[in-house]
Amino acid sequence: MSTVGAIFWYNEVRYQLPTPVPEGYQPIKNGTPINLPTALVSKTGKPVFLHFFNPDCPCSRFNIKQFNALVKQYGSQVDFRIIAVTKKTYTADEIREKFQPDIPVSFDQSLAALCGVYSTPQVALLDAAHRLYYRGNYNRSRYCTDERTSYARIAIDGVLQNNNHLSFNKYALVSYGCSLPGCPK
């Protein structure tokens, strides 16, 4: 029984601490143009919400409900995309099965570096001109349940209102969750 308790404690503590920043990490500044692959470019001129997801990460799995709620609320105003970052092989249909069936899925892990993402779950929200508007967490809770700190929702509202003066606290911008597969420690 003590082994089970130790494993639970380890996982609780591990995911409450910030994700280690990889060696050589280069932050990407807001306003930086992001060159998306053609399949992910908004054909409607809407902002693009990139959801970095690892199906093997418990934090990403907890986040599915929050992501789907954002899609339901903002799907007519924002184009949502899923960026699956994993070492295992999944199909786009297997990833979409957990989400809305019509959301494009990409396995292009180079997008993480382009957007400054080094953990999952993370958001990279691009304005209509595909410039980075926000890169960060969904909210303060590792389980993505804290509505008072719904950073992703605040960022979406900000980009839709053309508010370029939003500021977020460290909990929005310091990564929490699982390191991306292959990130150097």
N, C-alpha and C. Protein backbone atom coordinates (compact mmCIF):
# COMPACT_ATOMS: atom_id res chain seq x y z
N MET A 1 0.82 -1.20 0.00
CA MET A 1 0.00 0.00 0.00
C MET A 1 0.87 1.26 0.00
N SER A 2 2.00 1.21 0.68
CA SER A 2 2.87 2.38 0.72
C SER A 2 3.45 2.69 -0.66
N THR A 3 3.65 1.67 -1.49
CA THR A 3 4.15 1.89 -2.85
C THR A 3 3.13 2.67 -3.67
N VAL A 4 1.86 2.30 -3.55
CA VAL A 4 0.80 3.01 -4.27
C VAL A 4 0.75 4.46 -3.81
N GLY A 5 0.85 4.68 -2.51
CA GLY A 5 0.85 6.04 -1.96
C GLY A 5 2.03 6.85 -2.47
N ALA A 6 3.20 6.23 -2.55
CA ALA A 6 4.39 6.93 -3.03
C ALA A 6 4.25 7.31 -4.50
N ILE A 7 3.70 6.41 -5.30
CA ILE A 7 3.50 6.70 -6.72
C ILE A 7 2.50 7.86 -6.88
N PHE A 8 1.40 7.81 -6.11
CA PHE A 8 0.42 8.88 -6.18
C PHE A 8 1.05 10.21 -5.76
N TRP A 9 1.78 10.22 -4.68
CA TRP A 9 2.43 11.44 -4.19
C TRP A 9 3.40 11.97 -5.23
N TYR A 10 4.21 11.09 -5.81
CA TYR A 10 5.18 11.51 -6.83
C TYR A 10 4.48 12.20 -7.99
N ASN A 11 3.40 11.61 -8.48
CA ASN A 11 2.69 12.20 -9.61
C ASN A 11 2.01 13.52 -9.23
N GLU A 12 1.46 13.60 -8.02
CA GLU A 12 0.85 14.85 -7.58
C GLU A 12 1.88 15.97 -7.52
N VAL A 13 3.02 15.72 -6.92
CA VAL A 13 4.06 16.74 -6.79
C VAL A 13 4.66 17.08 -8.15
N ARG A 14 4.94 16.06 -8.94
CA ARG A 14 5.59 16.26 -10.23
C ARG A 14 4.81 17.21 -11.14
N TYR A 15 3.49 17.06 -11.18
CA TYR A 15 2.70 17.88 -12.09
C TYR A 15 2.28 19.22 -11.48
N GLN A 16 2.60 19.46 -10.22
CA GLN A 16 2.35 20.78 -9.63
C GLN A 16 3.56 21.68 -9.81
N LEU A 17 4.68 21.11 -10.16
CA LEU A 17 5.89 21.88 -10.40
C LEU A 17 5.95 22.28 -11.87
N PRO A 18 6.59 23.40 -12.16
CA PRO A 18 6.72 23.77 -13.57
C PRO A 18 7.48 22.70 -14.36
N THR A 19 7.14 22.56 -15.61
CA THR A 19 7.85 21.66 -16.50
C THR A 19 9.27 22.19 -16.69
N PRO A 20 10.28 21.34 -16.57
CA PRO A 20 11.65 21.83 -16.77
C PRO A 20 11.82 22.45 -18.16
N VAL A 21 12.47 23.59 -18.19
CA VAL A 21 12.73 24.27 -19.46
C VAL A 21 13.86 23.51 -20.16
N PRO A 22 13.67 23.11 -21.40
CA PRO A 22 14.71 22.36 -22.12
C PRO A 22 15.97 23.22 -22.34
N GLU A 23 17.09 22.54 -22.40
CA GLU A 23 18.35 23.23 -22.71
C GLU A 23 18.23 23.89 -24.07
N GLY A 24 18.71 25.12 -24.16
CA GLY A 24 18.70 25.82 -25.43
C GLY A 24 17.34 26.39 -25.83
N TYR A 25 16.38 26.35 -24.91
CA TYR A 25 15.04 26.85 -25.23
C TYR A 25 15.09 28.33 -25.61
N GLN A 26 14.42 28.66 -26.70
CA GLN A 26 14.32 30.04 -27.15
C GLN A 26 12.85 30.46 -27.09
N PRO A 27 12.51 31.36 -26.15
CA PRO A 27 11.11 31.81 -26.12
C PRO A 27 10.74 32.55 -27.40
N ILE A 28 9.49 32.47 -27.77
CA ILE A 28 8.99 33.15 -28.96
C ILE A 28 8.13 34.32 -28.48
N LYS A 29 8.41 35.49 -28.97
CA LYS A 29 7.71 36.69 -28.53
C LYS A 29 6.34 36.79 -29.20
N ASN A 30 5.39 37.33 -28.44
CA ASN A 30 4.09 37.62 -29.03
C ASN A 30 4.29 38.57 -30.21
N GLY A 31 3.50 38.37 -31.25
CA GLY A 31 3.63 39.16 -32.47
C GLY A 31 4.50 38.52 -33.52
N THR A 32 5.22 37.44 -33.15
CA THR A 32 6.07 36.74 -34.10
C THR A 32 5.21 36.00 -35.13
N PRO A 33 5.46 36.20 -36.42
CA PRO A 33 4.70 35.45 -37.44
C PRO A 33 5.03 33.95 -37.34
N ILE A 34 4.01 33.13 -37.41
CA ILE A 34 4.16 31.67 -37.37
C ILE A 34 3.77 31.13 -38.74
N ASN A 35 4.72 30.48 -39.40
CA ASN A 35 4.50 29.93 -40.73
C ASN A 35 3.88 28.54 -40.59
N LEU A 36 2.56 28.48 -40.67
CA LEU A 36 1.85 27.21 -40.53
C LEU A 36 1.90 26.40 -41.81
N PRO A 37 1.90 25.07 -41.69
CA PRO A 37 1.74 24.24 -42.89
C PRO A 37 0.39 24.55 -43.54
N THR A 38 0.31 24.42 -44.82
CA THR A 38 -0.89 24.77 -45.58
C THR A 38 -2.15 24.14 -45.00
N ALA A 39 -2.07 22.90 -44.56
CA ALA A 39 -3.26 22.21 -44.04
C ALA A 39 -3.81 22.85 -42.77
N LEU A 40 -3.01 23.64 -42.06
CA LEU A 40 -3.46 24.24 -40.81
C LEU A 40 -3.82 25.72 -40.93
N VAL A 41 -3.52 26.31 -42.07
CA VAL A 41 -3.80 27.73 -42.28
C VAL A 41 -5.31 27.95 -42.27
N SER A 42 -5.74 29.02 -41.62
CA SER A 42 -7.16 29.37 -41.61
C SER A 42 -7.57 29.82 -43.01
N LYS A 43 -8.55 29.16 -43.53
CA LYS A 43 -9.08 29.54 -44.85
C LYS A 43 -10.17 30.59 -44.71
N THR A 44 -10.54 30.90 -43.45
CA THR A 44 -11.64 31.81 -43.18
C THR A 44 -11.18 33.17 -42.67
N GLY A 45 -9.87 33.33 -42.45
CA GLY A 45 -9.36 34.58 -41.92
C GLY A 45 -9.58 34.73 -40.42
N LYS A 46 -9.90 33.65 -39.75
CA LYS A 46 -10.12 33.68 -38.30
C LYS A 46 -8.80 33.44 -37.56
N PRO A 47 -8.76 33.79 -36.28
CA PRO A 47 -7.61 33.39 -35.46
C PRO A 47 -7.52 31.86 -35.44
N VAL A 48 -6.31 31.35 -35.18
CA VAL A 48 -6.07 29.91 -35.14
C VAL A 48 -5.61 29.52 -33.74
N PHE A 49 -6.29 28.54 -33.17
CA PHE A 49 -5.99 28.03 -31.84
C PHE A 49 -5.30 26.68 -32.01
N LEU A 50 -4.02 26.61 -31.68
CA LEU A 50 -3.28 25.35 -31.76
C LEU A 50 -3.26 24.71 -30.38
N HIS A 51 -3.82 23.53 -30.30
CA HIS A 51 -3.87 22.77 -29.04
C HIS A 51 -2.79 21.70 -29.09
N PHE A 52 -1.73 21.87 -28.30
CA PHE A 52 -0.65 20.90 -28.25
C PHE A 52 -1.05 19.81 -27.26
N PHE A 53 -1.16 18.59 -27.78
CA PHE A 53 -1.75 17.47 -27.06
C PHE A 53 -0.88 16.23 -27.17
N ASN A 54 -0.68 15.57 -26.05
CA ASN A 54 0.02 14.29 -26.03
C ASN A 54 -0.92 13.27 -25.40
N PRO A 55 -1.42 12.30 -26.18
CA PRO A 55 -2.37 11.33 -25.63
C PRO A 55 -1.80 10.49 -24.49
N ASP A 56 -0.48 10.49 -24.32
CA ASP A 56 0.15 9.72 -23.26
C ASP A 56 0.38 10.55 -22.00
N CYS A 57 0.03 11.82 -22.02
CA CYS A 57 0.24 12.73 -20.90
C CYS A 57 -1.05 12.85 -20.07
N PRO A 58 -1.00 12.54 -18.77
CA PRO A 58 -2.21 12.65 -17.96
C PRO A 58 -2.78 14.07 -17.95
N CYS A 59 -1.93 15.07 -17.95
CA CYS A 59 -2.41 16.45 -17.95
C CYS A 59 -3.17 16.75 -19.24
N SER A 60 -2.68 16.25 -20.36
CA SER A 60 -3.39 16.44 -21.64
C SER A 60 -4.74 15.75 -21.61
N ARG A 61 -4.80 14.56 -21.03
CA ARG A 61 -6.08 13.84 -20.98
C ARG A 61 -7.08 14.56 -20.09
N PHE A 62 -6.63 15.15 -18.98
CA PHE A 62 -7.53 15.93 -18.13
C PHE A 62 -8.05 17.16 -18.87
N ASN A 63 -7.29 17.66 -19.80
CA ASN A 63 -7.59 18.90 -20.50
C ASN A 63 -8.62 18.75 -21.62
N ILE A 64 -8.94 17.56 -22.04
CA ILE A 64 -9.84 17.34 -23.17
C ILE A 64 -11.18 18.04 -22.97
N LYS A 65 -11.76 17.94 -21.79
CA LYS A 65 -13.07 18.55 -21.52
C LYS A 65 -12.98 20.07 -21.67
N GLN A 66 -11.93 20.68 -21.16
CA GLN A 66 -11.74 22.13 -21.26
C GLN A 66 -11.59 22.55 -22.72
N PHE A 67 -10.78 21.82 -23.47
CA PHE A 67 -10.60 22.13 -24.89
C PHE A 67 -11.92 22.04 -25.64
N ASN A 68 -12.65 20.96 -25.43
CA ASN A 68 -13.93 20.79 -26.13
C ASN A 68 -14.93 21.89 -25.76
N ALA A 69 -14.90 22.37 -24.52
CA ALA A 69 -15.78 23.47 -24.12
C ALA A 69 -15.42 24.75 -24.88
N LEU A 70 -14.13 25.00 -25.09
CA LEU A 70 -13.71 26.17 -25.86
C LEU A 70 -14.14 26.05 -27.32
N VAL A 71 -14.01 24.86 -27.89
CA VAL A 71 -14.44 24.64 -29.27
C VAL A 71 -15.94 24.90 -29.39
N LYS A 72 -16.70 24.41 -28.44
CA LYS A 72 -18.15 24.59 -28.47
C LYS A 72 -18.51 26.09 -28.39
N GLN A 73 -17.83 26.82 -27.51
CA GLN A 73 -18.14 28.23 -27.31
C GLN A 73 -17.64 29.11 -28.45
N TYR A 74 -16.43 28.85 -28.96
CA TYR A 74 -15.78 29.76 -29.89
C TYR A 74 -15.60 29.19 -31.30
N GLY A 75 -16.11 28.01 -31.58
CA GLY A 75 -15.87 27.35 -32.86
C GLY A 75 -16.29 28.14 -34.08
N SER A 76 -17.24 29.04 -33.93
CA SER A 76 -17.66 29.84 -35.09
C SER A 76 -16.78 31.08 -35.30
N GLN A 77 -15.93 31.39 -34.30
CA GLN A 77 -15.10 32.59 -34.37
C GLN A 77 -13.60 32.30 -34.49
N VAL A 78 -13.21 31.08 -34.15
CA VAL A 78 -11.80 30.69 -34.11
C VAL A 78 -11.66 29.33 -34.78
N ASP A 79 -10.60 29.15 -35.55
CA ASP A 79 -10.31 27.84 -36.14
C ASP A 79 -9.41 27.06 -35.18
N PHE A 80 -9.88 25.91 -34.74
CA PHE A 80 -9.15 25.07 -33.79
C PHE A 80 -8.39 23.98 -34.54
N ARG A 81 -7.18 23.71 -34.07
CA ARG A 81 -6.32 22.67 -34.62
C ARG A 81 -5.70 21.90 -33.46
N ILE A 82 -5.49 20.61 -33.66
CA ILE A 82 -4.82 19.78 -32.65
C ILE A 82 -3.44 19.41 -33.19
N ILE A 83 -2.43 19.66 -32.38
CA ILE A 83 -1.06 19.28 -32.73
C ILE A 83 -0.69 18.14 -31.78
N ALA A 84 -0.67 16.92 -32.30
CA ALA A 84 -0.37 15.74 -31.49
C ALA A 84 1.15 15.56 -31.43
N VAL A 85 1.68 15.58 -30.22
CA VAL A 85 3.11 15.41 -30.02
C VAL A 85 3.32 14.17 -29.14
N THR A 86 3.81 13.12 -29.77
CA THR A 86 3.97 11.85 -29.08
C THR A 86 5.01 11.01 -29.80
N LYS A 87 5.63 10.11 -29.07
CA LYS A 87 6.58 9.17 -29.69
C LYS A 87 5.85 7.96 -30.26
N LYS A 88 4.66 7.68 -29.74
CA LYS A 88 3.88 6.54 -30.22
C LYS A 88 3.18 6.91 -31.52
N THR A 89 2.73 5.90 -32.22
CA THR A 89 2.04 6.12 -33.49
C THR A 89 0.53 6.10 -33.26
N TYR A 90 -0.10 7.19 -33.63
CA TYR A 90 -1.55 7.32 -33.59
C TYR A 90 -2.00 7.83 -34.95
N THR A 91 -3.25 7.57 -35.27
CA THR A 91 -3.82 8.15 -36.49
C THR A 91 -4.57 9.42 -36.10
N ALA A 92 -4.84 10.25 -37.09
CA ALA A 92 -5.63 11.45 -36.84
C ALA A 92 -7.01 11.08 -36.32
N ASP A 93 -7.58 10.01 -36.84
CA ASP A 93 -8.91 9.58 -36.36
C ASP A 93 -8.86 9.15 -34.90
N GLU A 94 -7.79 8.50 -34.47
CA GLU A 94 -7.67 8.11 -33.06
C GLU A 94 -7.58 9.33 -32.16
N ILE A 95 -6.90 10.36 -32.61
CA ILE A 95 -6.80 11.59 -31.83
C ILE A 95 -8.16 12.30 -31.83
N ARG A 96 -8.78 12.43 -33.00
CA ARG A 96 -10.07 13.13 -33.10
C ARG A 96 -11.16 12.43 -32.30
N GLU A 97 -11.04 11.14 -32.11
CA GLU A 97 -12.04 10.38 -31.35
C GLU A 97 -12.24 10.97 -29.95
N LYS A 98 -11.21 11.58 -29.40
CA LYS A 98 -11.28 12.18 -28.07
C LYS A 98 -11.83 13.61 -28.11
N PHE A 99 -11.91 14.18 -29.31
CA PHE A 99 -12.29 15.57 -29.48
C PHE A 99 -13.49 15.68 -30.41
N GLN A 100 -13.64 16.83 -31.01
CA GLN A 100 -14.68 17.04 -32.01
C GLN A 100 -14.22 16.36 -33.31
N PRO A 101 -15.12 15.73 -34.04
CA PRO A 101 -14.70 14.92 -35.18
C PRO A 101 -14.15 15.70 -36.38
N ASP A 102 -14.41 17.00 -36.45
CA ASP A 102 -13.99 17.73 -37.64
C ASP A 102 -12.79 18.65 -37.43
N ILE A 103 -12.10 18.51 -36.33
CA ILE A 103 -10.93 19.35 -36.05
C ILE A 103 -9.70 18.76 -36.74
N PRO A 104 -8.99 19.58 -37.53
CA PRO A 104 -7.77 19.09 -38.17
C PRO A 104 -6.72 18.69 -37.14
N VAL A 105 -6.02 17.60 -37.43
CA VAL A 105 -4.96 17.09 -36.55
C VAL A 105 -3.66 17.09 -37.33
N SER A 106 -2.60 17.57 -36.69
CA SER A 106 -1.27 17.53 -37.29
C SER A 106 -0.33 16.81 -36.34
N PHE A 107 0.62 16.10 -36.91
CA PHE A 107 1.66 15.43 -36.13
C PHE A 107 3.01 16.13 -36.33
N ASP A 108 2.98 17.33 -36.84
CA ASP A 108 4.18 18.11 -37.13
C ASP A 108 4.73 18.69 -35.83
N GLN A 109 5.69 17.98 -35.25
CA GLN A 109 6.22 18.39 -33.95
C GLN A 109 7.10 19.64 -34.04
N SER A 110 7.51 20.04 -35.25
CA SER A 110 8.30 21.25 -35.39
C SER A 110 7.48 22.50 -35.04
N LEU A 111 6.15 22.39 -35.07
CA LEU A 111 5.30 23.52 -34.70
C LEU A 111 5.50 23.93 -33.24
N ALA A 112 5.84 22.98 -32.40
CA ALA A 112 6.06 23.29 -30.99
C ALA A 112 7.20 24.30 -30.85
N ALA A 113 8.31 24.05 -31.51
CA ALA A 113 9.45 24.97 -31.44
C ALA A 113 9.10 26.32 -32.07
N LEU A 114 8.36 26.30 -33.17
CA LEU A 114 7.97 27.56 -33.82
C LEU A 114 7.15 28.45 -32.89
N CYS A 115 6.37 27.81 -32.02
CA CYS A 115 5.47 28.56 -31.13
C CYS A 115 6.03 28.70 -29.71
N GLY A 116 7.18 28.11 -29.43
CA GLY A 116 7.75 28.20 -28.09
C GLY A 116 7.14 27.25 -27.09
N VAL A 117 6.54 26.18 -27.56
CA VAL A 117 5.87 25.20 -26.70
C VAL A 117 6.84 24.08 -26.36
N TYR A 118 6.94 23.73 -25.07
CA TYR A 118 7.79 22.61 -24.67
C TYR A 118 7.11 21.66 -23.70
N SER A 119 5.79 21.80 -23.53
CA SER A 119 5.06 20.84 -22.71
C SER A 119 3.62 20.75 -23.21
N THR A 120 2.93 19.72 -22.72
CA THR A 120 1.51 19.57 -23.03
C THR A 120 0.74 19.47 -21.71
N PRO A 121 -0.50 19.93 -21.71
CA PRO A 121 -1.19 20.64 -22.77
C PRO A 121 -0.79 22.11 -22.78
N GLN A 122 -0.69 22.66 -23.94
CA GLN A 122 -0.37 24.08 -24.12
C GLN A 122 -1.21 24.63 -25.26
N VAL A 123 -1.37 25.94 -25.25
CA VAL A 123 -2.09 26.69 -26.28
C VAL A 123 -1.10 27.57 -27.01
N ALA A 124 -1.22 27.64 -28.31
CA ALA A 124 -0.59 28.71 -29.08
C ALA A 124 -1.74 29.31 -29.89
N LEU A 125 -2.10 30.54 -29.54
CA LEU A 125 -3.19 31.23 -30.22
C LEU A 125 -2.59 32.25 -31.17
N LEU A 126 -2.96 32.14 -32.43
CA LEU A 126 -2.47 33.04 -33.46
C LEU A 126 -3.59 33.97 -33.89
N ASP A 127 -3.24 35.22 -34.13
CA ASP A 127 -4.25 36.15 -34.63
C ASP A 127 -4.56 35.83 -36.09
N ALA A 128 -5.45 36.59 -36.69
CA ALA A 128 -5.88 36.31 -38.06
C ALA A 128 -4.73 36.41 -39.07
N ALA A 129 -3.67 37.15 -38.73
CA ALA A 129 -2.50 37.27 -39.61
C ALA A 129 -1.44 36.21 -39.28
N HIS A 130 -1.80 35.24 -38.43
CA HIS A 130 -0.92 34.14 -38.01
C HIS A 130 0.30 34.62 -37.23
N ARG A 131 0.12 35.67 -36.43
CA ARG A 131 1.16 36.10 -35.50
C ARG A 131 0.81 35.54 -34.13
N LEU A 132 1.84 35.13 -33.38
CA LEU A 132 1.61 34.56 -32.06
C LEU A 132 0.98 35.62 -31.15
N TYR A 133 -0.19 35.31 -30.63
CA TYR A 133 -0.90 36.20 -29.72
C TYR A 133 -0.71 35.75 -28.28
N TYR A 134 -0.76 34.44 -28.06
CA TYR A 134 -0.62 33.88 -26.70
C TYR A 134 -0.03 32.49 -26.81
N ARG A 135 0.94 32.20 -25.96
CA ARG A 135 1.46 30.84 -25.78
C ARG A 135 1.46 30.59 -24.29
N GLY A 136 0.69 29.60 -23.87
CA GLY A 136 0.65 29.34 -22.44
C GLY A 136 -0.32 28.25 -22.06
N ASN A 137 -0.70 28.32 -20.79
CA ASN A 137 -1.55 27.30 -20.18
C ASN A 137 -3.03 27.61 -20.39
N TYR A 138 -3.84 26.59 -20.18
CA TYR A 138 -5.28 26.77 -20.22
C TYR A 138 -5.75 27.52 -18.98
N ASN A 139 -5.25 27.13 -17.83
CA ASN A 139 -5.53 27.83 -16.58
C ASN A 139 -4.54 27.38 -15.51
N ARG A 140 -4.72 27.81 -14.29
CA ARG A 140 -3.76 27.54 -13.22
C ARG A 140 -3.78 26.09 -12.74
N SER A 141 -4.89 25.43 -12.88
CA SER A 141 -5.03 24.07 -12.36
C SER A 141 -4.48 23.04 -13.33
N ARG A 142 -3.73 22.09 -12.82
CA ARG A 142 -3.22 21.04 -13.70
C ARG A 142 -4.35 20.22 -14.28
N TYR A 143 -5.50 20.23 -13.62
CA TYR A 143 -6.66 19.50 -14.12
C TYR A 143 -7.54 20.36 -15.02
N CYS A 144 -7.10 21.59 -15.28
CA CYS A 144 -7.79 22.51 -16.18
C CYS A 144 -9.23 22.77 -15.75
N THR A 145 -9.44 22.92 -14.44
CA THR A 145 -10.79 23.11 -13.93
C THR A 145 -11.00 24.46 -13.25
N ASP A 146 -9.99 25.30 -13.18
CA ASP A 146 -10.08 26.57 -12.47
C ASP A 146 -10.58 27.66 -13.41
N GLU A 147 -11.88 27.94 -13.37
CA GLU A 147 -12.49 28.94 -14.27
C GLU A 147 -12.02 30.35 -13.95
N ARG A 148 -11.58 30.62 -12.72
CA ARG A 148 -11.12 31.97 -12.36
C ARG A 148 -9.85 32.34 -13.10
N THR A 149 -9.09 31.33 -13.51
CA THR A 149 -7.84 31.59 -14.23
C THR A 149 -7.88 30.95 -15.62
N SER A 150 -8.95 31.13 -16.29
CA SER A 150 -9.13 30.53 -17.61
C SER A 150 -8.35 31.32 -18.66
N TYR A 151 -7.03 31.17 -18.63
CA TYR A 151 -6.14 31.95 -19.48
C TYR A 151 -6.44 31.77 -20.97
N ALA A 152 -6.73 30.57 -21.39
CA ALA A 152 -7.01 30.33 -22.81
C ALA A 152 -8.27 31.09 -23.24
N ARG A 153 -9.28 31.08 -22.41
CA ARG A 153 -10.53 31.79 -22.71
C ARG A 153 -10.27 33.31 -22.73
N ILE A 154 -9.49 33.80 -21.77
CA ILE A 154 -9.14 35.23 -21.73
C ILE A 154 -8.38 35.61 -22.99
N ALA A 155 -7.45 34.76 -23.42
CA ALA A 155 -6.68 35.04 -24.64
C ALA A 155 -7.58 35.06 -25.87
N ILE A 156 -8.50 34.11 -25.97
CA ILE A 156 -9.42 34.09 -27.11
C ILE A 156 -10.25 35.37 -27.12
N ASP A 157 -10.81 35.74 -25.97
CA ASP A 157 -11.59 36.97 -25.90
C ASP A 157 -10.73 38.17 -26.32
N GLY A 158 -9.48 38.18 -25.87
CA GLY A 158 -8.58 39.28 -26.21
C GLY A 158 -8.30 39.38 -27.70
N VAL A 159 -7.99 38.25 -28.33
CA VAL A 159 -7.69 38.29 -29.77
C VAL A 159 -8.94 38.67 -30.57
N LEU A 160 -10.11 38.22 -30.13
CA LEU A 160 -11.35 38.55 -30.85
C LEU A 160 -11.70 40.03 -30.71
N GLN A 161 -11.26 40.64 -29.60
CA GLN A 161 -11.52 42.07 -29.37
C GLN A 161 -10.35 42.94 -29.83
N ASN A 162 -9.36 42.34 -30.49
CA ASN A 162 -8.16 43.05 -30.94
C ASN A 162 -7.47 43.79 -29.81
N ASN A 163 -7.47 43.17 -28.63
CA ASN A 163 -6.82 43.76 -27.45
C ASN A 163 -5.36 43.30 -27.42
N ASN A 164 -4.46 44.17 -27.77
CA ASN A 164 -3.04 43.83 -27.78
C ASN A 164 -2.32 44.20 -26.49
N HIS A 165 -3.08 44.49 -25.44
CA HIS A 165 -2.48 44.91 -24.19
C HIS A 165 -2.80 43.96 -23.03
N LEU A 166 -3.15 42.74 -23.35
CA LEU A 166 -3.40 41.76 -22.28
C LEU A 166 -2.08 41.40 -21.61
N SER A 167 -2.14 41.19 -20.32
CA SER A 167 -0.95 40.69 -19.63
C SER A 167 -1.39 39.53 -18.74
N PHE A 168 -0.52 38.56 -18.62
CA PHE A 168 -0.83 37.36 -17.85
C PHE A 168 0.23 37.17 -16.78
N ASN A 169 -0.16 36.51 -15.69
CA ASN A 169 0.81 36.23 -14.63
C ASN A 169 1.67 35.02 -15.00
N LYS A 170 2.63 34.72 -14.15
CA LYS A 170 3.58 33.64 -14.46
C LYS A 170 2.90 32.28 -14.60
N TYR A 171 1.78 32.09 -13.92
CA TYR A 171 1.10 30.79 -14.00
C TYR A 171 0.49 30.54 -15.38
N ALA A 172 0.26 31.60 -16.11
CA ALA A 172 -0.25 31.45 -17.48
C ALA A 172 0.87 31.11 -18.44
N LEU A 173 2.07 31.60 -18.16
CA LEU A 173 3.16 31.53 -19.14
C LEU A 173 4.24 30.51 -18.83
N VAL A 174 4.37 30.09 -17.57
CA VAL A 174 5.33 29.05 -17.21
C VAL A 174 4.66 27.71 -17.44
N SER A 175 5.28 26.84 -18.20
CA SER A 175 4.65 25.58 -18.58
C SER A 175 4.51 24.62 -17.40
N TYR A 176 3.34 23.99 -17.34
CA TYR A 176 3.05 22.94 -16.38
C TYR A 176 2.49 21.77 -17.17
N GLY A 177 2.90 20.57 -16.86
CA GLY A 177 2.40 19.40 -17.58
C GLY A 177 3.53 18.48 -17.93
N CYS A 178 3.41 17.83 -19.06
CA CYS A 178 4.39 16.83 -19.50
C CYS A 178 5.35 17.46 -20.51
N SER A 179 6.63 17.20 -20.34
CA SER A 179 7.62 17.65 -21.33
C SER A 179 7.30 16.99 -22.66
N LEU A 180 7.58 17.72 -23.74
CA LEU A 180 7.36 17.12 -25.05
C LEU A 180 8.32 15.94 -25.24
N PRO A 181 7.86 14.92 -25.95
CA PRO A 181 8.76 13.81 -26.23
C PRO A 181 10.00 14.32 -26.97
N GLY A 182 11.15 13.91 -26.50
CA GLY A 182 12.39 14.28 -27.16
C GLY A 182 12.98 15.60 -26.70
N CYS A 183 12.32 16.29 -25.74
CA CYS A 183 12.89 17.55 -25.24
C CYS A 183 14.13 17.24 -24.42
N PRO A 184 15.25 17.92 -24.69
CA PRO A 184 16.43 17.71 -23.87
C PRO A 184 16.23 18.32 -22.50
N LYS A 185 16.66 17.62 -21.48
CA LYS A 185 16.50 18.13 -20.10
C LYS A 185 17.66 18.98 -19.72
